[in-house]
Protein backbone atom coordinates (compact mmCIF):
# COMPACT_ATOMS: atom_id res chain seq x y z
CA MET A 1 122.44 126.21 80.66
CA ASN A 2 123.92 129.49 82.04
CA VAL A 3 121.46 131.83 83.34
CA ASP A 4 122.50 135.20 85.25
CA LEU A 5 120.16 135.20 87.37
CA GLU A 6 121.48 138.37 88.73
CA THR A 7 119.84 140.19 85.49
CA LEU A 8 116.51 139.15 85.68
CA SER A 9 113.55 140.86 87.18
CA ARG A 10 111.54 139.43 89.44
CA ASP A 11 108.89 138.41 86.98
CA GLU A 12 111.79 136.92 84.76
CA LEU A 13 112.56 134.70 87.86
CA GLN A 14 109.08 134.12 88.94
CA LYS A 15 108.67 132.65 85.31
CA LEU A 16 111.55 130.71 85.57
CA ILE A 17 110.56 129.20 88.83
CA ASN A 18 107.76 128.09 87.26
CA ASP A 19 108.69 126.91 84.43
CA ALA A 20 111.15 124.49 86.65
CA GLN A 21 108.65 123.26 88.65
CA LYS A 22 106.52 122.32 85.66
CA ALA A 23 109.63 120.51 84.13
CA LEU A 24 110.25 118.68 87.40
CA LYS A 25 106.82 117.48 87.58
CA SER A 26 107.15 116.09 83.83
CA VAL A 27 110.58 114.29 84.89
CA ASP A 28 108.96 112.71 87.82
CA ALA A 29 106.01 111.52 85.58
CA ARG A 30 108.57 110.09 83.22
CA ARG A 31 110.59 108.45 85.78
CA MET A 32 107.21 106.93 87.81
CA ALA A 33 105.81 105.72 84.54
CA GLU A 34 109.49 103.69 83.56
CA ALA A 35 109.12 102.55 87.23
CA LYS A 36 106.09 100.75 86.71
CA ARG A 37 106.95 99.59 83.45
CA ALA A 38 109.80 98.30 85.11
CA ALA A 39 107.71 96.81 87.78
CA GLU A 40 105.43 95.30 85.69
CA MET A 41 107.62 93.63 83.69
CA ALA A 42 109.76 92.20 86.58
CA ALA A 43 106.28 90.97 88.49
CA LYS A 44 105.27 89.06 84.88
CA GLU A 45 108.80 87.33 84.77
CA TYR A 46 107.32 85.33 87.97
CA GLY A 47 103.76 84.84 86.46
CA PHE A 48 102.33 87.69 88.85
CA SER A 49 100.83 91.04 88.07
CA LEU A 50 101.70 94.36 89.31
CA GLU A 51 98.57 94.60 91.45
CA ASP A 52 99.03 90.95 92.59
CA VAL A 53 102.68 91.83 94.06
CA VAL A 54 101.63 95.06 95.41
CA GLN A 55 98.17 93.94 97.29
CA SER A 56 100.13 90.78 98.66
CA SER A 57 102.88 92.62 100.03
CA GLY A 58 101.23 95.18 102.31
CA LYS A 59 101.12 94.72 105.76
CA SER A 60 98.36 92.85 107.30
CA SER A 61 95.42 95.22 108.43
CA LYS A 62 95.53 96.73 112.17
CA GLY A 63 92.34 95.10 113.07
CA ALA A 64 89.13 96.61 114.13
CA PRO A 65 89.38 99.20 117.27
CA LYS A 66 87.98 98.00 120.59
CA TYR A 67 88.84 100.47 122.61
CA VAL A 68 88.17 104.36 122.52
CA ASN A 69 89.58 107.36 124.50
CA PRO A 70 86.42 108.52 126.36
CA ALA A 71 87.86 112.32 125.88
CA ASP A 72 88.76 112.00 122.24
CA ALA A 73 86.76 109.39 120.18
CA SER A 74 89.56 110.03 117.52
CA GLN A 75 91.80 107.95 118.97
CA THR A 76 91.21 104.17 119.49
CA TRP A 77 93.01 100.99 120.04
CA THR A 78 92.73 97.56 118.80
CA GLY A 79 94.22 95.91 121.80
CA ARG A 80 97.19 94.30 119.60
CA GLY A 81 100.62 96.04 120.61
CA ARG A 82 101.90 98.83 123.10
CA LYS A 83 99.20 100.63 125.31
CA PRO A 84 98.64 104.20 123.96
CA ASN A 85 99.37 106.71 126.63
CA TRP A 86 95.72 108.16 126.79
CA LEU A 87 94.77 104.36 128.00
CA ILE A 88 97.29 104.25 130.69
CA GLU A 89 96.37 107.59 131.92
CA ALA A 90 93.00 106.86 132.03
CA MET A 91 93.65 103.26 133.62
CA GLN A 92 95.68 104.98 136.21
CA ALA A 93 92.85 107.50 137.05
CA GLY A 94 90.76 104.49 137.75
CA LYS A 95 88.88 103.30 134.40
CA SER A 96 88.81 99.68 133.49
CA LEU A 97 89.40 98.36 129.92
CA ASP A 98 85.71 97.31 130.08
CA ASP A 99 84.87 101.44 130.28
CA MET A 100 86.42 101.89 127.26
CA ALA A 101 85.94 99.13 125.08
CA LEU A 102 83.41 99.90 121.71
């Protein structure tokens, strides 16, 4: 498809962009459906449903938060892994873990 973009008006260019975006969405939707069918078939070969495979392949949950940032309640920590900066800073300022426990 050869289109001389220089000869198109602004409205024609905008329509071309919109049409191309719709076509891309359509292609993506078809490819996603094909990928899902292929994944379902592969799972079925091993005696599983795709849902079984997806559910079992997810990481384990992070766990329930045990500590909260007193300055920002949206920041929590489960007590596992590296301590967040807000916790380190609060402890350096004299707070204890118990002060931040939920």
